[in-house]
């Protein structure tokens, strides 16, 4: 599972892409599904130290055995990042996604905004901070609760690693994040704190 496509180069470090995407997700509770479709991508330098990246994809989503969530998923994402100095970089991004599903309560529109920065310190220490805000609006009424579902999600996270300390050739990254989800249907609300290590 993955992607296959073509890229062509332009001036100002422009890179355009076109390809096919195929993803298989194994999810607990019998929600295994496949997504397949097309993507377009673009990246380019902006000024002396900035860069812009964009991607648009349209995917057909199918669950094993069929589901009301089967349908067409479209997603558009853009990011701008700027290197302020050799040790400081900031970034902002915006994302919009929609799912047109067989069942109206499974269809949704999602909008997300994010901002973050990465700072380098002496002795190879690198710290990252990110703040994300997302809103999800579902179509139709929930068959169980009889009301339309509206979710608001806020996530704040920090990542830390030292590029001089490596394990099997990689610098392990420690990540701490806290996510707060609020919903028009109370049972879908949550507070979740996660500590993870990867790399």
N, C-alpha and C. Protein backbone atom coordinates (compact mmCIF):
# COMPACT_ATOMS: atom_id res chain seq x y z
N UNK A 1 0.84 -1.18 0.00
CA UNK A 1 0.00 0.00 0.00
C UNK A 1 0.88 1.25 0.00
N UNK A 2 0.49 2.27 -0.74
CA UNK A 2 1.29 3.47 -0.80
C UNK A 2 0.88 4.34 -1.96
N UNK A 3 1.87 5.01 -2.57
CA UNK A 3 1.61 5.92 -3.67
C UNK A 3 2.56 5.67 -4.82
N UNK A 4 2.09 5.98 -6.01
CA UNK A 4 2.93 5.91 -7.22
C UNK A 4 2.53 7.08 -8.10
N UNK A 5 3.51 7.83 -8.58
CA UNK A 5 3.16 8.99 -9.38
C UNK A 5 4.35 9.57 -10.11
N UNK A 6 4.13 10.70 -10.74
CA UNK A 6 5.14 11.41 -11.51
C UNK A 6 5.36 12.78 -10.89
N UNK A 7 6.58 13.28 -11.00
CA UNK A 7 6.90 14.63 -10.56
C UNK A 7 7.66 15.33 -11.68
N UNK A 8 7.39 16.62 -11.84
CA UNK A 8 8.17 17.39 -12.79
C UNK A 8 8.58 18.71 -12.15
N UNK A 9 9.77 19.18 -12.52
CA UNK A 9 10.41 20.32 -11.87
C UNK A 9 10.23 21.59 -12.68
N UNK A 10 10.11 22.72 -11.98
CA UNK A 10 10.04 24.03 -12.61
C UNK A 10 11.05 24.96 -12.00
N UNK A 11 10.99 26.23 -12.38
CA UNK A 11 11.91 27.19 -11.79
C UNK A 11 11.48 27.52 -10.37
N UNK A 12 12.34 28.24 -9.65
CA UNK A 12 12.09 28.61 -8.24
C UNK A 12 11.85 27.37 -7.38
N UNK A 13 12.52 26.29 -7.70
CA UNK A 13 12.42 25.04 -6.94
C UNK A 13 11.00 24.49 -6.92
N UNK A 14 10.21 24.78 -7.94
CA UNK A 14 8.86 24.24 -8.01
C UNK A 14 8.89 22.76 -8.35
N UNK A 15 8.07 22.00 -7.63
CA UNK A 15 7.91 20.57 -7.89
C UNK A 15 6.42 20.27 -7.94
N UNK A 16 5.95 19.76 -9.07
CA UNK A 16 4.54 19.39 -9.23
C UNK A 16 4.44 17.87 -9.30
N UNK A 17 3.40 17.33 -8.71
CA UNK A 17 3.22 15.88 -8.69
C UNK A 17 1.81 15.47 -9.04
N UNK A 18 1.70 14.30 -9.61
CA UNK A 18 0.42 13.70 -9.96
C UNK A 18 0.55 12.20 -9.79
N UNK A 19 -0.41 11.57 -9.11
CA UNK A 19 -0.25 10.14 -8.91
C UNK A 19 -1.47 9.45 -8.34
N UNK A 20 -1.26 8.18 -8.02
CA UNK A 20 -2.29 7.31 -7.46
C UNK A 20 -1.96 6.99 -6.02
N UNK A 21 -2.99 6.86 -5.19
CA UNK A 21 -2.81 6.55 -3.78
C UNK A 21 -3.69 5.37 -3.41
N UNK A 22 -3.12 4.45 -2.64
CA UNK A 22 -3.87 3.30 -2.15
C UNK A 22 -3.48 3.04 -0.70
N UNK A 23 -4.48 3.05 0.17
CA UNK A 23 -4.24 2.87 1.60
C UNK A 23 -5.19 1.82 2.15
N UNK A 24 -4.65 0.94 2.96
CA UNK A 24 -5.44 -0.08 3.64
C UNK A 24 -5.28 0.12 5.13
N UNK A 25 -6.38 0.32 5.85
CA UNK A 25 -6.32 0.55 7.29
C UNK A 25 -7.01 -0.59 8.03
N UNK A 26 -6.30 -1.14 9.02
CA UNK A 26 -6.84 -2.19 9.87
C UNK A 26 -7.21 -1.53 11.20
N UNK A 27 -8.51 -1.51 11.52
CA UNK A 27 -9.01 -0.79 12.68
C UNK A 27 -9.78 -1.75 13.59
N UNK A 28 -9.59 -1.58 14.88
CA UNK A 28 -10.31 -2.41 15.84
C UNK A 28 -11.81 -2.19 15.70
N UNK A 29 -12.58 -3.23 15.96
CA UNK A 29 -14.03 -3.12 15.92
C UNK A 29 -14.62 -3.36 14.55
N UNK A 30 -13.86 -4.01 13.66
CA UNK A 30 -14.38 -4.34 12.34
C UNK A 30 -14.54 -3.17 11.41
N UNK A 31 -13.72 -2.13 11.58
CA UNK A 31 -13.81 -0.95 10.73
C UNK A 31 -12.68 -0.91 9.70
N UNK A 32 -12.20 -2.07 9.31
CA UNK A 32 -11.15 -2.13 8.30
C UNK A 32 -11.67 -1.55 6.99
N UNK A 33 -10.83 -0.77 6.31
CA UNK A 33 -11.28 -0.15 5.08
C UNK A 33 -10.12 0.17 4.15
N UNK A 34 -10.46 0.45 2.90
CA UNK A 34 -9.49 0.78 1.86
C UNK A 34 -9.85 2.13 1.26
N UNK A 35 -8.83 2.94 0.99
CA UNK A 35 -9.01 4.21 0.29
C UNK A 35 -8.12 4.22 -0.95
N UNK A 36 -8.69 4.54 -2.08
CA UNK A 36 -7.95 4.55 -3.34
C UNK A 36 -8.37 5.75 -4.16
N UNK A 37 -7.41 6.41 -4.81
CA UNK A 37 -7.77 7.57 -5.62
C UNK A 37 -6.58 8.28 -6.21
N UNK A 38 -6.75 9.57 -6.50
CA UNK A 38 -5.76 10.40 -7.17
C UNK A 38 -5.30 11.53 -6.26
N UNK A 39 -4.08 12.02 -6.51
CA UNK A 39 -3.60 13.19 -5.79
C UNK A 39 -2.84 14.13 -6.73
N UNK A 40 -2.86 15.40 -6.38
CA UNK A 40 -2.05 16.43 -7.02
C UNK A 40 -1.24 17.10 -5.93
N UNK A 41 0.01 17.42 -6.19
CA UNK A 41 0.84 18.07 -5.19
C UNK A 41 1.68 19.18 -5.82
N UNK A 42 2.07 20.13 -4.99
CA UNK A 42 2.88 21.25 -5.46
C UNK A 42 3.72 21.76 -4.31
N UNK A 43 4.96 22.07 -4.58
CA UNK A 43 5.82 22.70 -3.59
C UNK A 43 6.73 23.70 -4.31
N UNK A 44 7.10 24.75 -3.59
CA UNK A 44 7.95 25.78 -4.20
C UNK A 44 8.61 26.60 -3.11
N UNK A 45 9.75 27.18 -3.46
CA UNK A 45 10.40 28.14 -2.56
C UNK A 45 9.63 29.44 -2.59
N UNK A 46 9.71 30.18 -1.48
CA UNK A 46 9.02 31.46 -1.37
C UNK A 46 9.98 32.43 -0.71
N UNK A 47 10.47 33.37 -1.48
CA UNK A 47 11.47 34.28 -0.94
C UNK A 47 12.80 33.57 -0.74
N UNK A 48 13.59 34.08 0.17
CA UNK A 48 14.93 33.54 0.39
C UNK A 48 14.95 32.38 1.37
N UNK A 49 13.93 32.30 2.25
CA UNK A 49 13.97 31.25 3.28
C UNK A 49 12.61 30.64 3.57
N UNK A 50 11.64 30.85 2.67
CA UNK A 50 10.33 30.29 2.88
C UNK A 50 10.01 29.20 1.87
N UNK A 51 8.99 28.42 2.16
CA UNK A 51 8.55 27.35 1.27
C UNK A 51 7.06 27.14 1.44
N UNK A 52 6.38 26.82 0.34
CA UNK A 52 4.96 26.54 0.37
C UNK A 52 4.73 25.14 -0.19
N UNK A 53 3.83 24.40 0.44
CA UNK A 53 3.53 23.03 0.03
C UNK A 53 2.01 22.88 -0.03
N UNK A 54 1.51 22.25 -1.07
CA UNK A 54 0.08 22.02 -1.20
C UNK A 54 -0.21 20.64 -1.75
N UNK A 55 -1.39 20.12 -1.42
CA UNK A 55 -1.79 18.80 -1.90
C UNK A 55 -3.31 18.72 -1.95
N UNK A 56 -3.82 18.12 -3.03
CA UNK A 56 -5.24 17.86 -3.17
C UNK A 56 -5.42 16.40 -3.54
N UNK A 57 -6.35 15.71 -2.88
CA UNK A 57 -6.58 14.30 -3.16
C UNK A 57 -8.06 13.98 -3.12
N UNK A 58 -8.46 13.06 -3.98
CA UNK A 58 -9.82 12.54 -4.02
C UNK A 58 -9.73 11.03 -3.91
N UNK A 59 -10.38 10.47 -2.90
CA UNK A 59 -10.27 9.04 -2.61
C UNK A 59 -11.63 8.38 -2.51
N UNK A 60 -11.72 7.17 -3.01
CA UNK A 60 -12.92 6.35 -2.83
C UNK A 60 -12.71 5.49 -1.58
N UNK A 61 -13.60 5.60 -0.62
CA UNK A 61 -13.47 4.91 0.66
C UNK A 61 -14.46 3.75 0.73
N UNK A 62 -13.95 2.54 0.99
CA UNK A 62 -14.79 1.36 1.07
C UNK A 62 -14.44 0.54 2.31
N UNK A 63 -15.48 0.23 3.11
CA UNK A 63 -15.29 -0.61 4.28
C UNK A 63 -15.59 -2.06 3.94
N UNK A 64 -14.89 -2.95 4.62
CA UNK A 64 -15.13 -4.38 4.40
C UNK A 64 -16.58 -4.73 4.73
N UNK A 65 -17.27 -5.41 3.81
CA UNK A 65 -18.64 -5.79 4.04
C UNK A 65 -19.65 -4.69 3.80
N UNK A 66 -19.17 -3.51 3.41
CA UNK A 66 -20.08 -2.40 3.16
C UNK A 66 -20.41 -1.62 4.41
N UNK A 67 -20.62 -0.30 4.27
CA UNK A 67 -20.91 0.54 5.42
C UNK A 67 -21.57 1.83 4.94
N UNK A 68 -22.31 2.46 5.84
CA UNK A 68 -22.87 3.77 5.53
C UNK A 68 -21.81 4.83 5.36
N UNK A 69 -20.57 4.52 5.81
CA UNK A 69 -19.45 5.46 5.67
C UNK A 69 -18.73 5.30 4.33
N UNK A 70 -19.15 4.35 3.50
CA UNK A 70 -18.58 4.23 2.15
C UNK A 70 -18.89 5.51 1.38
N UNK A 71 -17.93 6.01 0.62
CA UNK A 71 -18.20 7.22 -0.14
C UNK A 71 -16.93 7.84 -0.69
N UNK A 72 -17.04 9.09 -1.10
CA UNK A 72 -15.93 9.82 -1.70
C UNK A 72 -15.38 10.84 -0.72
N UNK A 73 -14.07 10.77 -0.54
CA UNK A 73 -13.39 11.65 0.41
C UNK A 73 -12.49 12.60 -0.38
N UNK A 74 -12.63 13.91 -0.15
CA UNK A 74 -11.78 14.90 -0.81
C UNK A 74 -11.06 15.71 0.27
N UNK A 75 -9.77 16.01 0.01
CA UNK A 75 -8.97 16.70 1.02
C UNK A 75 -8.02 17.67 0.34
N UNK A 76 -7.95 18.89 0.89
CA UNK A 76 -7.05 19.93 0.40
C UNK A 76 -6.24 20.45 1.59
N UNK A 77 -4.92 20.48 1.45
CA UNK A 77 -4.06 20.94 2.54
C UNK A 77 -2.96 21.83 1.98
N UNK A 78 -2.65 22.89 2.72
CA UNK A 78 -1.57 23.78 2.34
C UNK A 78 -0.75 24.18 3.55
N UNK A 79 0.54 24.35 3.36
CA UNK A 79 1.42 24.74 4.46
C UNK A 79 2.44 25.76 3.97
N UNK A 80 2.73 26.73 4.85
CA UNK A 80 3.82 27.66 4.59
C UNK A 80 4.78 27.59 5.77
N UNK A 81 6.07 27.52 5.47
CA UNK A 81 7.07 27.51 6.54
C UNK A 81 8.17 28.51 6.21
N UNK A 82 8.72 29.08 7.26
CA UNK A 82 9.71 30.15 7.11
C UNK A 82 10.85 29.93 8.09
N UNK A 83 12.07 29.94 7.59
CA UNK A 83 13.25 29.86 8.46
C UNK A 83 13.65 31.27 8.85
N UNK A 84 13.48 31.61 10.10
CA UNK A 84 13.83 32.94 10.59
C UNK A 84 15.33 33.06 10.76
N UNK A 85 15.93 31.97 11.21
CA UNK A 85 17.38 31.92 11.39
C UNK A 85 17.81 30.46 11.27
N UNK A 86 19.08 30.21 11.48
CA UNK A 86 19.57 28.84 11.42
C UNK A 86 19.00 27.98 12.53
N UNK A 87 18.46 28.61 13.56
CA UNK A 87 17.95 27.86 14.71
C UNK A 87 16.44 27.97 14.92
N UNK A 88 15.77 28.78 14.15
CA UNK A 88 14.34 29.00 14.38
C UNK A 88 13.55 28.94 13.08
N UNK A 89 12.51 28.12 13.07
CA UNK A 89 11.61 28.01 11.93
C UNK A 89 10.16 28.02 12.44
N UNK A 90 9.28 28.75 11.74
CA UNK A 90 7.86 28.73 12.09
C UNK A 90 7.06 28.24 10.89
N UNK A 91 5.83 27.79 11.15
CA UNK A 91 5.01 27.21 10.09
C UNK A 91 3.53 27.41 10.42
N UNK A 92 2.74 27.53 9.38
CA UNK A 92 1.28 27.58 9.50
C UNK A 92 0.70 26.69 8.42
N UNK A 93 -0.47 26.12 8.69
CA UNK A 93 -1.10 25.25 7.70
C UNK A 93 -2.61 25.34 7.83
N UNK A 94 -3.27 25.01 6.73
CA UNK A 94 -4.73 24.97 6.70
C UNK A 94 -5.15 23.72 5.94
N UNK A 95 -6.25 23.13 6.36
CA UNK A 95 -6.71 21.87 5.75
C UNK A 95 -8.23 21.84 5.72
N UNK A 96 -8.77 21.37 4.61
CA UNK A 96 -10.22 21.19 4.47
C UNK A 96 -10.47 19.80 3.92
N UNK A 97 -11.47 19.12 4.48
CA UNK A 97 -11.77 17.75 4.07
C UNK A 97 -13.28 17.53 4.09
N UNK A 98 -13.76 16.75 3.16
CA UNK A 98 -15.18 16.43 3.13
C UNK A 98 -15.36 14.96 2.78
N UNK A 99 -16.36 14.34 3.37
CA UNK A 99 -16.73 12.97 3.03
C UNK A 99 -18.19 12.96 2.63
N UNK A 100 -18.44 12.53 1.40
CA UNK A 100 -19.81 12.34 0.92
C UNK A 100 -20.12 10.86 1.02
N UNK A 101 -20.76 10.46 2.10
CA UNK A 101 -20.98 9.05 2.40
C UNK A 101 -22.41 8.63 2.03
N UNK A 102 -22.61 7.31 2.00
CA UNK A 102 -23.94 6.77 1.71
C UNK A 102 -24.96 7.22 2.75
N UNK A 103 -24.57 7.20 4.01
CA UNK A 103 -25.45 7.59 5.10
C UNK A 103 -25.14 9.02 5.52
N UNK A 104 -26.16 9.87 5.56
CA UNK A 104 -25.96 11.28 5.88
C UNK A 104 -25.24 11.51 7.21
N UNK A 105 -25.55 10.76 8.29
CA UNK A 105 -24.84 11.01 9.56
C UNK A 105 -23.35 10.70 9.50
N UNK A 106 -22.91 9.93 8.49
CA UNK A 106 -21.49 9.63 8.33
C UNK A 106 -20.77 10.68 7.49
N UNK A 107 -21.51 11.47 6.72
CA UNK A 107 -20.91 12.51 5.90
C UNK A 107 -20.49 13.68 6.78
N UNK A 108 -19.38 14.31 6.43
CA UNK A 108 -18.92 15.43 7.25
C UNK A 108 -18.09 16.41 6.44
N UNK A 109 -17.93 17.60 7.02
CA UNK A 109 -16.99 18.62 6.53
C UNK A 109 -16.06 18.96 7.68
N UNK A 110 -14.78 18.99 7.41
CA UNK A 110 -13.79 19.27 8.46
C UNK A 110 -12.87 20.40 8.00
N UNK A 111 -12.62 21.35 8.89
CA UNK A 111 -11.68 22.43 8.64
C UNK A 111 -10.67 22.46 9.78
N UNK A 112 -9.40 22.61 9.43
CA UNK A 112 -8.35 22.58 10.45
C UNK A 112 -7.31 23.67 10.18
N UNK A 113 -6.89 24.33 11.24
CA UNK A 113 -5.81 25.32 11.18
C UNK A 113 -4.74 24.92 12.19
N UNK A 114 -3.49 25.17 11.83
CA UNK A 114 -2.40 24.79 12.73
C UNK A 114 -1.26 25.80 12.63
N UNK A 115 -0.53 25.94 13.71
CA UNK A 115 0.65 26.80 13.75
C UNK A 115 1.69 26.14 14.64
N UNK A 116 2.95 26.35 14.30
CA UNK A 116 3.99 25.73 15.11
C UNK A 116 5.34 26.36 14.86
N UNK A 117 6.29 25.98 15.67
CA UNK A 117 7.66 26.44 15.48
C UNK A 117 8.63 25.38 15.97
N UNK A 118 9.84 25.46 15.43
CA UNK A 118 10.92 24.56 15.82
C UNK A 118 12.14 25.39 16.18
N UNK A 119 12.71 25.13 17.35
CA UNK A 119 13.86 25.89 17.85
C UNK A 119 15.03 24.95 18.08
N UNK A 120 16.20 25.38 17.66
CA UNK A 120 17.42 24.63 17.93
C UNK A 120 18.23 25.30 19.03
N UNK A 121 18.84 24.49 19.88
CA UNK A 121 19.63 25.01 20.99
C UNK A 121 21.04 24.41 20.93
N UNK A 122 21.85 24.84 21.87
CA UNK A 122 23.22 24.33 21.93
C UNK A 122 23.23 22.83 22.18
N UNK A 123 24.32 22.19 21.77
CA UNK A 123 24.55 20.76 21.99
C UNK A 123 23.55 19.87 21.27
N UNK A 124 22.93 20.37 20.17
CA UNK A 124 22.08 19.53 19.33
C UNK A 124 20.64 19.38 19.77
N UNK A 125 20.21 20.09 20.82
CA UNK A 125 18.85 19.97 21.32
C UNK A 125 17.88 20.71 20.40
N UNK A 126 16.78 20.05 20.02
CA UNK A 126 15.77 20.64 19.15
C UNK A 126 14.40 20.48 19.79
N UNK A 127 13.65 21.59 19.86
CA UNK A 127 12.34 21.61 20.49
C UNK A 127 11.29 22.09 19.49
N UNK A 128 10.17 21.38 19.42
CA UNK A 128 9.09 21.77 18.54
C UNK A 128 7.81 21.98 19.32
N UNK A 129 7.01 22.98 18.93
CA UNK A 129 5.73 23.28 19.56
C UNK A 129 4.68 23.43 18.47
N UNK A 130 3.50 22.85 18.67
CA UNK A 130 2.44 22.92 17.68
C UNK A 130 1.09 23.10 18.35
N UNK A 131 0.25 23.93 17.73
CA UNK A 131 -1.12 24.14 18.18
C UNK A 131 -2.05 23.91 16.99
N UNK A 132 -3.07 23.07 17.18
CA UNK A 132 -4.00 22.73 16.10
C UNK A 132 -5.43 22.91 16.57
N UNK A 133 -6.24 23.48 15.70
CA UNK A 133 -7.66 23.68 15.99
C UNK A 133 -8.47 23.13 14.82
N UNK A 134 -9.42 22.25 15.10
CA UNK A 134 -10.22 21.62 14.05
C UNK A 134 -11.70 21.67 14.41
N UNK A 135 -12.53 21.80 13.38
CA UNK A 135 -13.98 21.74 13.52
C UNK A 135 -14.52 20.71 12.54
N UNK A 136 -15.38 19.83 13.04
CA UNK A 136 -15.99 18.79 12.20
C UNK A 136 -17.50 18.93 12.31
N UNK A 137 -18.16 19.02 11.16
CA UNK A 137 -19.62 19.15 11.11
C UNK A 137 -20.20 17.99 10.32
N UNK A 138 -21.01 17.17 10.97
CA UNK A 138 -21.62 16.01 10.33
C UNK A 138 -22.99 16.37 9.75
N UNK A 139 -23.32 15.74 8.64
CA UNK A 139 -24.63 15.95 8.02
C UNK A 139 -25.68 15.07 8.70
N UNK A 140 -26.92 15.46 8.57
CA UNK A 140 -28.01 14.63 9.07
C UNK A 140 -28.02 14.53 10.58
N UNK A 141 -28.97 13.76 11.08
CA UNK A 141 -29.13 13.56 12.51
C UNK A 141 -28.58 12.20 12.92
N UNK A 142 -27.96 12.16 14.09
CA UNK A 142 -27.49 10.89 14.62
C UNK A 142 -28.67 9.97 14.87
N UNK A 143 -28.66 8.74 14.32
CA UNK A 143 -29.79 7.84 14.53
C UNK A 143 -29.95 7.41 15.99
N UNK A 144 -28.88 7.54 16.77
CA UNK A 144 -28.93 7.13 18.17
C UNK A 144 -29.35 8.27 19.09
N UNK A 145 -28.86 9.50 18.79
CA UNK A 145 -29.10 10.62 19.70
C UNK A 145 -30.09 11.65 19.13
N UNK A 146 -30.44 11.53 17.86
CA UNK A 146 -31.46 12.40 17.29
C UNK A 146 -31.06 13.84 17.09
N UNK A 147 -29.76 14.11 17.03
CA UNK A 147 -29.29 15.48 16.82
C UNK A 147 -28.06 15.45 15.91
N UNK A 148 -27.77 16.57 15.28
CA UNK A 148 -26.60 16.65 14.40
C UNK A 148 -25.33 16.75 15.25
N UNK A 149 -24.29 16.08 14.82
CA UNK A 149 -23.04 16.05 15.57
C UNK A 149 -22.10 17.16 15.11
N UNK A 150 -21.58 17.91 16.06
CA UNK A 150 -20.62 18.98 15.81
C UNK A 150 -19.46 18.82 16.78
N UNK A 151 -18.26 18.65 16.26
CA UNK A 151 -17.09 18.44 17.11
C UNK A 151 -16.10 19.60 16.95
N UNK A 152 -15.53 20.04 18.07
CA UNK A 152 -14.46 21.03 18.09
C UNK A 152 -13.28 20.42 18.83
N UNK A 153 -12.12 20.41 18.17
CA UNK A 153 -10.95 19.71 18.71
C UNK A 153 -9.76 20.66 18.76
N UNK A 154 -9.12 20.73 19.92
CA UNK A 154 -7.92 21.55 20.10
C UNK A 154 -6.79 20.65 20.59
N UNK A 155 -5.65 20.75 19.93
CA UNK A 155 -4.50 19.93 20.29
C UNK A 155 -3.26 20.81 20.45
N UNK A 156 -2.54 20.61 21.53
CA UNK A 156 -1.26 21.27 21.73
C UNK A 156 -0.22 20.19 21.98
N UNK A 157 0.92 20.31 21.32
CA UNK A 157 1.92 19.26 21.44
C UNK A 157 3.33 19.82 21.42
N UNK A 158 4.23 19.09 22.00
CA UNK A 158 5.65 19.45 21.98
C UNK A 158 6.46 18.22 21.65
N UNK A 159 7.53 18.43 20.87
CA UNK A 159 8.44 17.35 20.52
C UNK A 159 9.86 17.79 20.88
N UNK A 160 10.63 16.85 21.38
CA UNK A 160 12.00 17.18 21.76
C UNK A 160 12.92 16.02 21.36
N UNK A 161 14.06 16.37 20.79
CA UNK A 161 15.08 15.36 20.50
C UNK A 161 16.44 16.03 20.42
N UNK A 162 17.46 15.22 20.45
CA UNK A 162 18.84 15.71 20.34
C UNK A 162 19.49 15.01 19.16
N UNK A 163 19.85 15.79 18.15
CA UNK A 163 20.41 15.20 16.94
C UNK A 163 21.78 14.58 17.16
N UNK A 164 22.40 14.88 18.30
CA UNK A 164 23.71 14.29 18.60
C UNK A 164 23.59 12.95 19.32
N UNK A 165 22.38 12.62 19.80
CA UNK A 165 22.16 11.35 20.49
C UNK A 165 21.35 10.44 19.59
N UNK A 166 21.96 9.38 19.10
CA UNK A 166 21.30 8.52 18.13
C UNK A 166 21.26 7.07 18.61
N UNK A 167 20.17 6.41 18.25
CA UNK A 167 19.96 5.01 18.57
C UNK A 167 19.76 4.27 17.26
N UNK A 168 20.67 3.37 16.93
CA UNK A 168 20.64 2.64 15.66
C UNK A 168 20.55 3.60 14.47
N UNK A 169 21.28 4.70 14.57
CA UNK A 169 21.35 5.64 13.47
C UNK A 169 20.28 6.71 13.45
N UNK A 170 19.33 6.67 14.38
CA UNK A 170 18.24 7.65 14.41
C UNK A 170 18.23 8.37 15.76
N UNK A 171 17.79 9.62 15.73
CA UNK A 171 17.66 10.40 16.96
C UNK A 171 16.24 10.24 17.49
N UNK A 172 16.03 9.52 18.59
CA UNK A 172 14.68 9.31 19.12
C UNK A 172 13.99 10.62 19.47
N UNK A 173 12.71 10.71 19.16
CA UNK A 173 11.91 11.90 19.43
C UNK A 173 10.90 11.59 20.53
N UNK A 174 10.89 12.42 21.56
CA UNK A 174 9.90 12.32 22.63
C UNK A 174 8.79 13.33 22.33
N UNK A 175 7.54 12.88 22.36
CA UNK A 175 6.43 13.77 22.05
C UNK A 175 5.38 13.72 23.15
N UNK A 176 4.97 14.89 23.59
CA UNK A 176 3.92 15.03 24.59
C UNK A 176 2.81 15.89 24.00
N UNK A 177 1.59 15.39 24.02
CA UNK A 177 0.48 16.16 23.45
C UNK A 177 -0.76 16.04 24.34
N UNK A 178 -1.58 17.08 24.29
CA UNK A 178 -2.85 17.09 25.01
C UNK A 178 -3.94 17.52 24.04
N UNK A 179 -5.00 16.74 23.95
CA UNK A 179 -6.08 17.02 23.01
C UNK A 179 -7.40 17.12 23.76
N UNK A 180 -8.17 18.13 23.44
CA UNK A 180 -9.48 18.35 24.04
C UNK A 180 -10.52 18.32 22.94
N UNK A 181 -11.47 17.41 23.05
CA UNK A 181 -12.55 17.32 22.08
C UNK A 181 -13.88 17.65 22.73
N UNK A 182 -14.60 18.59 22.14
CA UNK A 182 -15.91 18.96 22.63
C UNK A 182 -16.93 18.71 21.52
N UNK A 183 -18.09 18.19 21.89
CA UNK A 183 -19.06 17.78 20.89
C UNK A 183 -20.48 18.20 21.31
N UNK A 184 -21.33 18.41 20.30
CA UNK A 184 -22.74 18.69 20.58
C UNK A 184 -23.44 17.46 21.16
N UNK A 185 -22.83 16.29 21.00
CA UNK A 185 -23.29 15.06 21.62
C UNK A 185 -22.27 14.70 22.71
N UNK A 186 -22.64 14.87 23.94
CA UNK A 186 -21.70 14.85 25.06
C UNK A 186 -20.83 13.59 25.10
N UNK A 187 -21.36 12.44 24.71
CA UNK A 187 -20.63 11.20 24.81
C UNK A 187 -19.37 11.20 23.93
N UNK A 188 -19.34 12.06 22.92
CA UNK A 188 -18.18 12.14 22.04
C UNK A 188 -17.11 13.11 22.53
N UNK A 189 -17.34 13.78 23.65
CA UNK A 189 -16.34 14.67 24.21
C UNK A 189 -15.24 13.89 24.94
N UNK A 190 -14.05 14.45 24.99
CA UNK A 190 -12.93 13.75 25.64
C UNK A 190 -11.78 14.72 25.93
N UNK A 191 -10.90 14.29 26.84
CA UNK A 191 -9.61 14.92 27.09
C UNK A 191 -8.58 13.81 27.06
N UNK A 192 -7.54 13.99 26.26
CA UNK A 192 -6.59 12.91 26.08
C UNK A 192 -5.17 13.45 26.09
N UNK A 193 -4.34 12.90 26.97
CA UNK A 193 -2.91 13.26 27.03
C UNK A 193 -2.08 12.05 26.60
N UNK A 194 -1.14 12.30 25.70
CA UNK A 194 -0.35 11.21 25.14
C UNK A 194 1.14 11.52 25.24
N UNK A 195 1.89 10.54 25.70
CA UNK A 195 3.36 10.62 25.72
C UNK A 195 3.87 9.48 24.85
N UNK A 196 4.66 9.82 23.84
CA UNK A 196 5.12 8.79 22.91
C UNK A 196 6.58 9.02 22.54
N UNK A 197 7.17 7.97 22.01
CA UNK A 197 8.55 8.04 21.54
C UNK A 197 8.63 7.35 20.20
N UNK A 198 9.29 7.97 19.25
CA UNK A 198 9.44 7.36 17.93
C UNK A 198 10.78 7.76 17.33
N UNK A 199 11.20 7.02 16.33
CA UNK A 199 12.48 7.24 15.70
C UNK A 199 13.55 6.29 16.21
